[in-house]
Structures are given as structure tokens and as C-alpha cells.
Amino acid sequence: MCNQFNTSSMNYTVRDSTREDCRDIMRLIADLSEYEKMPDEVKLTHKELEEDGFSSSPFFKCLVAEVPEEIQSRDGHTIVGYGFYYFTYCTWKGRVVYMEDLYVMPEFRGKGIGKALMSRIAQIGRARGCVRMQFTVLDWNKPSLDFYCGQGALNLTAAEGWQLMRFEGEAFEKLAQATN
């Protein structure tokens, strides 16, 4: 599905990503990791992204925001943002759409692209029977926190005290090998 937008004289399209978009998505993932001050954390390759997103049983879905050639980025890119999501489940509420990433290149921010990507993910979630959309934001990322709260998002850490937890590396391996 494809939605055409014209906001503040900025033409762009939000559409489902394709296998051919994976190199651009990886570029944007790298940009996001730089912005989040974690450039060394990205271990994923575009081939893994292709397999995980475009196989017969995909692990994720992704939307891209694309501008016409005439307003491409300074570096010549027409794919200028992405929204990465998947479906999960809440045992208290039911179906949930989880927005893993929302990113728009700095030179294209403030044009409605991020909101359009996020809104489209919410629309997809509602169409699939989801009762909510969840995501995480780094505590220092005030522009994003302000943006999301301005759209009506609830900060669960502040409101309910939830803490995000993770097993990875050796701890994940040890847990997976545990028999008791």
C-alpha cells in the first residue's frame, strides 16, 4: 500500500518496503545508530535484513518514506525515512503492534514524514486488530520524547514504572541451555 503526501510543499510517499530497499534501510539504520550514539551496535547485514523481512515467513515489516528525484537528499537518496514494526501480544490486552524504529533523515525532519510513518503503522495495527502500539525511546532523546508525547503517547516508565529488560550474548546462551 502506498500513501502520497504533500506537506508544506514537501512531496513524499509512504509505502511498504521491498527487498530492493534493504540497502537503503541499512543505511538509515546506520544513521539512526549514529544518532543514538551506538554506531558499533549494528551487527545486521543487508542480506540478513532481506532474509528476515522478505522470506516466506518474515520476522518484521517496514515502511519507507520516499521523495521524488528532484528533492533527493544532499547525498542523492530518495528513501529518506523508515518505520520498522512487527506484531506481538499482550496477555492483558491482546494484539499489539511494536514500532522498533522510526527514523527520518535530519534534512527531511519537520515535514510530517515521521508522523506519517507512525500513523501508517498505527493504521496497519488497527486493521490487524491491535489494541495499542508500543515502542521505546532513549531517556536522553528529548526531541523524540516531546514528539511522541505531543502525539498522545504515554511514557510507561514515568506512569507505571516498567523497566525494559534484556538477555543477550553469554547470558542469553546460558539461559537457552538451562535445563532447570
N, C-alpha and C. Protein backbone atom coordinates (compact mmCIF):
# COMPACT_ATOMS: atom_id res chain seq x y z
N MET A 1 0.84 -1.19 0.00
CA MET A 1 0.00 0.00 0.00
C MET A 1 0.88 1.24 0.00
N CYS A 2 0.40 2.26 -0.65
CA CYS A 2 1.19 3.46 -0.85
C CYS A 2 0.33 4.68 -0.56
N ASN A 3 0.83 5.60 0.25
CA ASN A 3 0.11 6.84 0.53
C ASN A 3 0.96 8.00 0.06
N GLN A 4 0.39 8.88 -0.74
CA GLN A 4 1.07 10.06 -1.26
C GLN A 4 0.77 11.23 -0.34
N PHE A 5 1.76 12.04 0.00
CA PHE A 5 1.57 13.18 0.89
C PHE A 5 2.19 14.42 0.27
N ASN A 6 1.62 15.55 0.59
CA ASN A 6 2.17 16.84 0.20
C ASN A 6 1.99 17.74 1.41
N THR A 7 3.06 17.86 2.22
CA THR A 7 3.00 18.64 3.45
C THR A 7 4.01 19.76 3.37
N SER A 8 3.57 20.99 3.55
CA SER A 8 4.46 22.16 3.49
C SER A 8 5.30 22.12 2.22
N SER A 9 4.66 21.85 1.11
CA SER A 9 5.29 21.77 -0.21
C SER A 9 6.32 20.63 -0.32
N MET A 10 6.29 19.69 0.61
CA MET A 10 7.19 18.53 0.54
C MET A 10 6.38 17.34 0.05
N ASN A 11 6.68 16.88 -1.15
CA ASN A 11 6.03 15.69 -1.68
C ASN A 11 6.80 14.46 -1.22
N TYR A 12 6.08 13.48 -0.72
CA TYR A 12 6.71 12.21 -0.36
C TYR A 12 5.66 11.12 -0.37
N THR A 13 6.14 9.90 -0.44
CA THR A 13 5.28 8.73 -0.45
C THR A 13 5.70 7.83 0.70
N VAL A 14 4.72 7.29 1.41
CA VAL A 14 4.97 6.25 2.41
C VAL A 14 4.46 4.96 1.80
N ARG A 15 5.33 3.96 1.73
CA ARG A 15 4.95 2.70 1.11
C ARG A 15 5.59 1.54 1.84
N ASP A 16 5.05 0.34 1.60
CA ASP A 16 5.67 -0.88 2.12
C ASP A 16 7.05 -1.02 1.49
N SER A 17 8.02 -1.43 2.28
CA SER A 17 9.36 -1.64 1.74
C SER A 17 9.38 -2.92 0.91
N THR A 18 10.40 -3.00 0.07
CA THR A 18 10.62 -4.18 -0.76
C THR A 18 12.03 -4.70 -0.49
N ARG A 19 12.31 -5.87 -0.96
CA ARG A 19 13.64 -6.45 -0.85
C ARG A 19 14.69 -5.49 -1.41
N GLU A 20 14.35 -4.81 -2.49
CA GLU A 20 15.29 -3.88 -3.14
C GLU A 20 15.61 -2.66 -2.28
N ASP A 21 14.80 -2.39 -1.28
CA ASP A 21 15.03 -1.24 -0.39
C ASP A 21 16.01 -1.55 0.74
N CYS A 22 16.43 -2.81 0.89
CA CYS A 22 17.21 -3.20 2.07
C CYS A 22 18.52 -2.44 2.23
N ARG A 23 19.20 -2.13 1.15
CA ARG A 23 20.45 -1.35 1.29
C ARG A 23 20.16 0.05 1.82
N ASP A 24 19.08 0.66 1.34
CA ASP A 24 18.71 1.98 1.86
C ASP A 24 18.26 1.89 3.31
N ILE A 25 17.51 0.85 3.66
CA ILE A 25 17.09 0.68 5.05
C ILE A 25 18.30 0.50 5.95
N MET A 26 19.28 -0.29 5.50
CA MET A 26 20.51 -0.48 6.29
C MET A 26 21.26 0.84 6.46
N ARG A 27 21.27 1.68 5.42
CA ARG A 27 21.90 3.00 5.51
C ARG A 27 21.21 3.83 6.59
N LEU A 28 19.88 3.79 6.60
CA LEU A 28 19.12 4.55 7.58
C LEU A 28 19.28 3.98 8.99
N ILE A 29 19.37 2.65 9.10
CA ILE A 29 19.63 2.02 10.40
C ILE A 29 20.98 2.49 10.93
N ALA A 30 21.98 2.55 10.06
CA ALA A 30 23.31 3.04 10.47
C ALA A 30 23.22 4.50 10.90
N ASP A 31 22.46 5.31 10.17
CA ASP A 31 22.27 6.72 10.55
C ASP A 31 21.62 6.82 11.93
N LEU A 32 20.59 6.00 12.16
CA LEU A 32 19.91 6.01 13.46
C LEU A 32 20.87 5.60 14.57
N SER A 33 21.70 4.59 14.32
CA SER A 33 22.64 4.14 15.36
C SER A 33 23.65 5.25 15.69
N GLU A 34 24.05 6.03 14.70
CA GLU A 34 24.93 7.18 14.95
C GLU A 34 24.21 8.21 15.81
N TYR A 35 22.97 8.52 15.45
CA TYR A 35 22.18 9.49 16.20
C TYR A 35 22.00 9.04 17.64
N GLU A 36 21.78 7.74 17.84
CA GLU A 36 21.57 7.21 19.18
C GLU A 36 22.88 6.92 19.92
N LYS A 37 24.00 7.32 19.32
CA LYS A 37 25.33 7.19 19.93
C LYS A 37 25.72 5.74 20.19
N MET A 38 25.31 4.84 19.28
CA MET A 38 25.62 3.42 19.39
C MET A 38 26.02 2.84 18.04
N PRO A 39 26.93 3.48 17.32
CA PRO A 39 27.23 3.02 15.95
C PRO A 39 27.83 1.61 15.89
N ASP A 40 28.49 1.16 16.93
CA ASP A 40 29.11 -0.16 16.91
C ASP A 40 28.14 -1.29 17.25
N GLU A 41 26.91 -0.96 17.59
CA GLU A 41 25.93 -1.97 17.98
C GLU A 41 25.27 -2.66 16.79
N VAL A 42 25.29 -2.05 15.62
CA VAL A 42 24.63 -2.64 14.45
C VAL A 42 25.51 -3.76 13.90
N LYS A 43 25.01 -4.98 14.00
CA LYS A 43 25.71 -6.16 13.50
C LYS A 43 24.99 -6.78 12.31
N LEU A 44 23.78 -6.36 12.06
CA LEU A 44 22.93 -6.87 11.00
C LEU A 44 23.50 -6.49 9.63
N THR A 45 23.39 -7.39 8.67
CA THR A 45 23.79 -7.10 7.29
C THR A 45 22.54 -6.93 6.44
N HIS A 46 22.70 -6.33 5.27
CA HIS A 46 21.53 -6.16 4.40
C HIS A 46 21.01 -7.52 3.93
N LYS A 47 21.88 -8.51 3.78
CA LYS A 47 21.44 -9.87 3.39
C LYS A 47 20.57 -10.48 4.48
N GLU A 48 20.96 -10.32 5.75
CA GLU A 48 20.13 -10.81 6.85
C GLU A 48 18.79 -10.07 6.89
N LEU A 49 18.85 -8.78 6.65
CA LEU A 49 17.63 -7.98 6.61
C LEU A 49 16.70 -8.48 5.51
N GLU A 50 17.25 -8.76 4.33
CA GLU A 50 16.46 -9.30 3.23
C GLU A 50 15.81 -10.62 3.62
N GLU A 51 16.58 -11.52 4.19
CA GLU A 51 16.07 -12.83 4.56
C GLU A 51 15.01 -12.73 5.65
N ASP A 52 15.27 -11.92 6.67
CA ASP A 52 14.35 -11.82 7.80
C ASP A 52 13.07 -11.05 7.48
N GLY A 53 13.12 -10.19 6.49
CA GLY A 53 11.94 -9.39 6.18
C GLY A 53 11.19 -9.80 4.93
N PHE A 54 11.84 -10.56 4.07
CA PHE A 54 11.21 -10.84 2.78
C PHE A 54 11.24 -12.32 2.41
N SER A 55 11.31 -13.18 3.43
CA SER A 55 11.21 -14.61 3.20
C SER A 55 9.75 -15.01 3.25
N SER A 56 9.48 -16.31 3.18
CA SER A 56 8.09 -16.76 3.23
C SER A 56 7.47 -16.57 4.62
N SER A 57 8.31 -16.42 5.64
CA SER A 57 7.82 -16.19 7.00
C SER A 57 8.59 -15.02 7.62
N PRO A 58 8.25 -13.78 7.24
CA PRO A 58 9.03 -12.62 7.69
C PRO A 58 8.90 -12.36 9.19
N PHE A 59 10.00 -11.87 9.78
CA PHE A 59 10.03 -11.51 11.19
C PHE A 59 9.56 -10.08 11.43
N PHE A 60 9.57 -9.25 10.42
CA PHE A 60 9.23 -7.84 10.58
C PHE A 60 8.58 -7.30 9.32
N LYS A 61 8.04 -6.10 9.47
CA LYS A 61 7.51 -5.31 8.36
C LYS A 61 8.21 -3.96 8.41
N CYS A 62 8.25 -3.28 7.28
CA CYS A 62 8.91 -1.99 7.23
C CYS A 62 8.23 -1.10 6.20
N LEU A 63 8.06 0.15 6.55
CA LEU A 63 7.60 1.17 5.62
C LEU A 63 8.77 2.07 5.30
N VAL A 64 8.77 2.64 4.11
CA VAL A 64 9.78 3.64 3.77
C VAL A 64 9.08 4.91 3.31
N ALA A 65 9.74 6.02 3.56
CA ALA A 65 9.30 7.32 3.06
C ALA A 65 10.22 7.69 1.92
N GLU A 66 9.62 8.00 0.79
CA GLU A 66 10.39 8.26 -0.43
C GLU A 66 10.00 9.61 -1.01
N VAL A 67 11.00 10.37 -1.41
CA VAL A 67 10.76 11.67 -2.05
C VAL A 67 11.09 11.55 -3.53
N PRO A 68 10.54 12.46 -4.36
CA PRO A 68 10.88 12.44 -5.78
C PRO A 68 12.35 12.78 -6.02
N GLU A 69 12.87 12.35 -7.14
CA GLU A 69 14.28 12.60 -7.51
C GLU A 69 14.66 14.07 -7.38
N GLU A 70 13.75 14.96 -7.73
CA GLU A 70 14.09 16.39 -7.74
C GLU A 70 14.30 16.98 -6.35
N ILE A 71 13.87 16.28 -5.31
CA ILE A 71 14.14 16.78 -3.95
C ILE A 71 14.91 15.74 -3.12
N GLN A 72 15.71 14.93 -3.80
CA GLN A 72 16.51 13.92 -3.11
C GLN A 72 17.46 14.57 -2.10
N SER A 73 18.01 13.75 -1.22
CA SER A 73 18.92 14.26 -0.20
C SER A 73 20.20 14.81 -0.82
N ARG A 74 20.97 15.51 -0.01
CA ARG A 74 22.25 16.04 -0.47
C ARG A 74 23.16 14.94 -1.02
N ASP A 75 23.00 13.73 -0.47
CA ASP A 75 23.82 12.59 -0.92
C ASP A 75 23.17 11.80 -2.05
N GLY A 76 22.04 12.27 -2.57
CA GLY A 76 21.40 11.64 -3.70
C GLY A 76 20.42 10.52 -3.36
N HIS A 77 19.94 10.47 -2.13
CA HIS A 77 19.00 9.43 -1.72
C HIS A 77 17.56 9.91 -1.85
N THR A 78 16.69 9.01 -2.30
CA THR A 78 15.26 9.33 -2.36
C THR A 78 14.50 8.65 -1.21
N ILE A 79 15.03 7.59 -0.66
CA ILE A 79 14.42 6.98 0.53
C ILE A 79 15.02 7.71 1.73
N VAL A 80 14.16 8.47 2.44
CA VAL A 80 14.64 9.40 3.45
C VAL A 80 14.18 9.07 4.87
N GLY A 81 13.39 8.02 5.01
CA GLY A 81 12.93 7.62 6.34
C GLY A 81 12.35 6.23 6.31
N TYR A 82 12.21 5.66 7.51
CA TYR A 82 11.60 4.34 7.59
C TYR A 82 10.91 4.14 8.93
N GLY A 83 9.95 3.25 8.93
CA GLY A 83 9.27 2.80 10.14
C GLY A 83 9.29 1.29 10.15
N PHE A 84 9.92 0.73 11.14
CA PHE A 84 10.17 -0.71 11.25
C PHE A 84 9.25 -1.24 12.34
N TYR A 85 8.47 -2.29 12.06
CA TYR A 85 7.50 -2.76 13.04
C TYR A 85 7.27 -4.26 12.92
N TYR A 86 6.65 -4.81 13.94
CA TYR A 86 6.23 -6.21 13.95
C TYR A 86 5.08 -6.34 14.93
N PHE A 87 4.49 -7.52 14.94
CA PHE A 87 3.34 -7.76 15.81
C PHE A 87 3.73 -8.62 16.99
N THR A 88 3.15 -8.31 18.12
CA THR A 88 3.40 -9.05 19.35
C THR A 88 2.08 -9.19 20.09
N TYR A 89 2.14 -9.61 21.33
CA TYR A 89 0.91 -9.89 22.04
C TYR A 89 1.03 -9.49 23.50
N CYS A 90 -0.01 -8.92 24.04
CA CYS A 90 -0.08 -8.58 25.46
C CYS A 90 -1.11 -9.50 26.11
N THR A 91 -0.68 -10.24 27.12
CA THR A 91 -1.59 -11.18 27.76
C THR A 91 -2.72 -10.48 28.52
N TRP A 92 -2.61 -9.20 28.75
CA TRP A 92 -3.66 -8.45 29.42
C TRP A 92 -4.63 -7.80 28.45
N LYS A 93 -4.13 -7.42 27.28
CA LYS A 93 -4.94 -6.61 26.36
C LYS A 93 -5.17 -7.24 24.99
N GLY A 94 -4.25 -8.09 24.54
CA GLY A 94 -4.39 -8.70 23.21
C GLY A 94 -3.32 -8.24 22.24
N ARG A 95 -3.72 -8.10 21.00
CA ARG A 95 -2.77 -7.82 19.90
C ARG A 95 -2.13 -6.44 20.02
N VAL A 96 -0.83 -6.40 19.70
CA VAL A 96 -0.04 -5.18 19.80
C VAL A 96 0.83 -5.05 18.56
N VAL A 97 0.95 -3.85 18.03
CA VAL A 97 1.95 -3.58 17.00
C VAL A 97 3.11 -2.88 17.72
N TYR A 98 4.32 -3.38 17.49
CA TYR A 98 5.51 -2.82 18.13
C TYR A 98 6.32 -2.08 17.07
N MET A 99 6.53 -0.79 17.28
CA MET A 99 7.34 0.02 16.38
C MET A 99 8.79 -0.04 16.87
N GLU A 100 9.60 -0.79 16.19
CA GLU A 100 11.00 -0.96 16.57
C GLU A 100 11.82 0.30 16.29
N ASP A 101 11.64 0.88 15.12
CA ASP A 101 12.37 2.09 14.73
C ASP A 101 11.45 3.03 13.98
N LEU A 102 11.68 4.31 14.18
CA LEU A 102 11.10 5.38 13.38
C LEU A 102 12.23 6.36 13.15
N TYR A 103 12.59 6.57 11.89
CA TYR A 103 13.73 7.45 11.62
C TYR A 103 13.49 8.21 10.32
N VAL A 104 13.81 9.50 10.37
CA VAL A 104 13.77 10.37 9.20
C VAL A 104 15.10 11.10 9.16
N MET A 105 15.71 11.16 7.98
CA MET A 105 16.98 11.88 7.83
C MET A 105 16.82 13.32 8.31
N PRO A 106 17.83 13.87 9.00
CA PRO A 106 17.71 15.22 9.58
C PRO A 106 17.23 16.29 8.61
N GLU A 107 17.69 16.26 7.37
CA GLU A 107 17.30 17.32 6.44
C GLU A 107 15.84 17.24 6.00
N PHE A 108 15.15 16.14 6.36
CA PHE A 108 13.75 15.97 5.99
C PHE A 108 12.81 15.98 7.20
N ARG A 109 13.34 16.27 8.37
CA ARG A 109 12.52 16.33 9.58
C ARG A 109 11.68 17.60 9.60
N GLY A 110 10.59 17.55 10.35
CA GLY A 110 9.71 18.70 10.46
C GLY A 110 8.80 18.89 9.27
N LYS A 111 8.71 17.89 8.41
CA LYS A 111 7.88 17.96 7.20
C LYS A 111 6.67 17.04 7.28
N GLY A 112 6.48 16.37 8.43
CA GLY A 112 5.35 15.46 8.58
C GLY A 112 5.65 14.02 8.22
N ILE A 113 6.87 13.74 7.81
CA ILE A 113 7.22 12.38 7.36
C ILE A 113 7.19 11.39 8.52
N GLY A 114 7.80 11.75 9.64
CA GLY A 114 7.80 10.85 10.80
C GLY A 114 6.39 10.56 11.29
N LYS A 115 5.57 11.59 11.36
CA LYS A 115 4.18 11.39 11.80
C LYS A 115 3.44 10.51 10.81
N ALA A 116 3.68 10.70 9.52
CA ALA A 116 3.00 9.89 8.50
C ALA A 116 3.41 8.42 8.61
N LEU A 117 4.70 8.16 8.83
CA LEU A 117 5.16 6.78 9.01
C LEU A 117 4.51 6.15 10.25
N MET A 118 4.55 6.89 11.36
CA MET A 118 3.99 6.38 12.61
C MET A 118 2.48 6.17 12.49
N SER A 119 1.79 7.09 11.85
CA SER A 119 0.35 6.96 11.66
C SER A 119 0.01 5.76 10.80
N ARG A 120 0.80 5.53 9.77
CA ARG A 120 0.55 4.38 8.90
C ARG A 120 0.75 3.07 9.66
N ILE A 121 1.77 2.99 10.52
CA ILE A 121 1.96 1.79 11.35
C ILE A 121 0.75 1.59 12.26
N ALA A 122 0.24 2.66 12.85
CA ALA A 122 -0.94 2.56 13.70
C ALA A 122 -2.15 2.09 12.89
N GLN A 123 -2.31 2.60 11.67
CA GLN A 123 -3.42 2.17 10.82
C GLN A 123 -3.33 0.68 10.50
N ILE A 124 -2.14 0.23 10.18
CA ILE A 124 -1.92 -1.20 9.89
C ILE A 124 -2.24 -2.03 11.13
N GLY A 125 -1.78 -1.57 12.29
CA GLY A 125 -2.07 -2.27 13.53
C GLY A 125 -3.56 -2.36 13.79
N ARG A 126 -4.26 -1.26 13.64
CA ARG A 126 -5.72 -1.28 13.86
C ARG A 126 -6.40 -2.22 12.90
N ALA A 127 -5.97 -2.22 11.65
CA ALA A 127 -6.57 -3.11 10.65
C ALA A 127 -6.35 -4.59 11.01
N ARG A 128 -5.27 -4.87 11.73
CA ARG A 128 -4.97 -6.24 12.16
C ARG A 128 -5.54 -6.55 13.54
N GLY A 129 -6.32 -5.66 14.09
CA GLY A 129 -6.97 -5.90 15.38
C GLY A 129 -6.13 -5.57 16.58
N CYS A 130 -5.06 -4.80 16.39
CA CYS A 130 -4.21 -4.41 17.52
C CYS A 130 -4.93 -3.38 18.38
N VAL A 131 -4.68 -3.47 19.69
CA VAL A 131 -5.30 -2.54 20.63
C VAL A 131 -4.36 -1.41 21.04
N ARG A 132 -3.08 -1.55 20.67
CA ARG A 132 -2.14 -0.49 21.00
C ARG A 132 -0.85 -0.64 20.18
N MET A 133 -0.07 0.44 20.22
CA MET A 133 1.25 0.45 19.59
C MET A 133 2.26 0.77 20.69
N GLN A 134 3.32 0.01 20.75
CA GLN A 134 4.37 0.24 21.74
C GLN A 134 5.70 0.47 21.05
N PHE A 135 6.61 1.13 21.78
CA PHE A 135 7.95 1.41 21.28
C PHE A 135 8.79 1.91 22.45
N THR A 136 10.08 2.00 22.26
CA THR A 136 10.96 2.54 23.29
C THR A 136 11.68 3.77 22.74
N VAL A 137 12.09 4.63 23.66
CA VAL A 137 12.82 5.84 23.33
C VAL A 137 13.92 5.99 24.37
N LEU A 138 15.11 6.35 23.93
CA LEU A 138 16.20 6.60 24.87
C LEU A 138 15.85 7.78 25.78
N ASP A 139 16.20 7.67 27.04
CA ASP A 139 15.81 8.70 28.02
C ASP A 139 16.38 10.08 27.72
N TRP A 140 17.50 10.18 27.02
CA TRP A 140 18.11 11.47 26.71
C TRP A 140 17.55 12.10 25.43
N ASN A 141 16.74 11.34 24.68
CA ASN A 141 16.27 11.81 23.38
C ASN A 141 15.02 12.69 23.53
N LYS A 142 15.23 13.87 24.07
CA LYS A 142 14.13 14.79 24.37
C LYS A 142 13.33 15.18 23.13
N PRO A 143 13.96 15.43 21.98
CA PRO A 143 13.13 15.77 20.80
C PRO A 143 12.13 14.66 20.45
N SER A 144 12.57 13.42 20.52
CA SER A 144 11.66 12.32 20.21
C SER A 144 10.62 12.13 21.30
N LEU A 145 11.05 12.21 22.56
CA LEU A 145 10.08 12.12 23.66
C LEU A 145 9.00 13.19 23.54
N ASP A 146 9.42 14.41 23.25
CA ASP A 146 8.46 15.51 23.09
C ASP A 146 7.53 15.25 21.90
N PHE A 147 8.09 14.74 20.80
CA PHE A 147 7.29 14.44 19.62
C PHE A 147 6.23 13.39 19.94
N TYR A 148 6.65 12.28 20.53
CA TYR A 148 5.71 11.21 20.83
C TYR A 148 4.66 11.64 21.86
N CYS A 149 5.10 12.28 22.91
CA CYS A 149 4.15 12.75 23.93
C CYS A 149 3.18 13.77 23.34
N GLY A 150 3.68 14.60 22.42
CA GLY A 150 2.84 15.57 21.74
C GLY A 150 1.78 14.92 20.87
N GLN A 151 2.02 13.69 20.46
CA GLN A 151 1.05 12.94 19.67
C GLN A 151 0.09 12.14 20.56
N GLY A 152 0.32 12.18 21.88
CA GLY A 152 -0.56 11.48 22.81
C GLY A 152 -0.01 10.20 23.39
N ALA A 153 1.26 9.89 23.13
CA ALA A 153 1.87 8.67 23.68
C ALA A 153 2.01 8.79 25.20
N LEU A 154 1.91 7.67 25.87
CA LEU A 154 2.06 7.58 27.32
C LEU A 154 3.46 7.06 27.63
N ASN A 155 4.21 7.76 28.47
CA ASN A 155 5.53 7.31 28.90
C ASN A 155 5.34 6.30 30.03
N LEU A 156 5.45 5.01 29.71
CA LEU A 156 5.18 3.96 30.69
C LEU A 156 6.18 3.93 31.83
N THR A 157 7.42 4.32 31.59
CA THR A 157 8.40 4.34 32.67
C THR A 157 7.97 5.36 33.72
N ALA A 158 7.56 6.52 33.27
CA ALA A 158 7.12 7.56 34.19
C ALA A 158 5.77 7.22 34.82
N ALA A 159 4.84 6.69 34.02
CA ALA A 159 3.48 6.47 34.50
C ALA A 159 3.31 5.19 35.31
N GLU A 160 3.98 4.12 34.90
CA GLU A 160 3.75 2.82 35.54
C GLU A 160 5.01 2.17 36.11
N GLY A 161 6.17 2.73 35.81
CA GLY A 161 7.41 2.21 36.36
C GLY A 161 7.97 0.97 35.69
N TRP A 162 7.51 0.64 34.47
CA TRP A 162 8.04 -0.52 33.77
C TRP A 162 9.51 -0.30 33.42
N GLN A 163 10.30 -1.34 33.57
CA GLN A 163 11.71 -1.30 33.20
C GLN A 163 11.94 -2.29 32.06
N LEU A 164 12.61 -1.87 31.02
CA LEU A 164 12.92 -2.72 29.88
C LEU A 164 14.08 -3.64 30.24
N MET A 165 13.92 -4.93 30.02
CA MET A 165 14.95 -5.91 30.38
C MET A 165 15.38 -6.66 29.12
N ARG A 166 16.61 -7.25 29.17
CA ARG A 166 17.10 -7.98 28.00
C ARG A 166 18.12 -9.01 28.43
N PHE A 167 18.07 -10.18 27.80
CA PHE A 167 19.14 -11.17 27.86
C PHE A 167 19.83 -11.13 26.51
N GLU A 168 21.16 -11.11 26.50
CA GLU A 168 21.91 -11.16 25.25
C GLU A 168 23.25 -11.81 25.48
N GLY A 169 23.93 -12.15 24.39
CA GLY A 169 25.26 -12.72 24.48
C GLY A 169 25.32 -13.97 25.34
N GLU A 170 26.31 -14.01 26.21
CA GLU A 170 26.54 -15.17 27.07
C GLU A 170 25.36 -15.45 27.99
N ALA A 171 24.73 -14.41 28.54
CA ALA A 171 23.59 -14.61 29.43
C ALA A 171 22.42 -15.25 28.66
N PHE A 172 22.21 -14.86 27.41
CA PHE A 172 21.15 -15.44 26.60
C PHE A 172 21.46 -16.91 26.29
N GLU A 173 22.72 -17.19 25.93
CA GLU A 173 23.13 -18.57 25.65
C GLU A 173 22.96 -19.44 26.88
N LYS A 174 23.39 -18.94 28.02
CA LYS A 174 23.29 -19.70 29.27
C LYS A 174 21.82 -19.99 29.60
N LEU A 175 20.96 -19.01 29.43
CA LEU A 175 19.55 -19.19 29.69
C LEU A 175 18.94 -20.23 28.73
N ALA A 176 19.33 -20.16 27.46
CA ALA A 176 18.79 -21.09 26.47
C ALA A 176 19.27 -22.52 26.72
N GLN A 177 20.40 -22.70 27.35
CA GLN A 177 20.93 -24.03 27.62
C GLN A 177 20.51 -24.59 28.97
N ALA A 178 19.86 -23.77 29.79
CA ALA A 178 19.45 -24.21 31.11
C ALA A 178 18.41 -25.31 31.02
N THR A 179 18.55 -26.31 31.86
CA THR A 179 17.57 -27.40 31.88
C THR A 179 16.65 -27.30 33.08
N ASN A 180 17.04 -26.62 34.11
CA ASN A 180 16.22 -26.43 35.32
C ASN A 180 16.25 -24.99 35.74
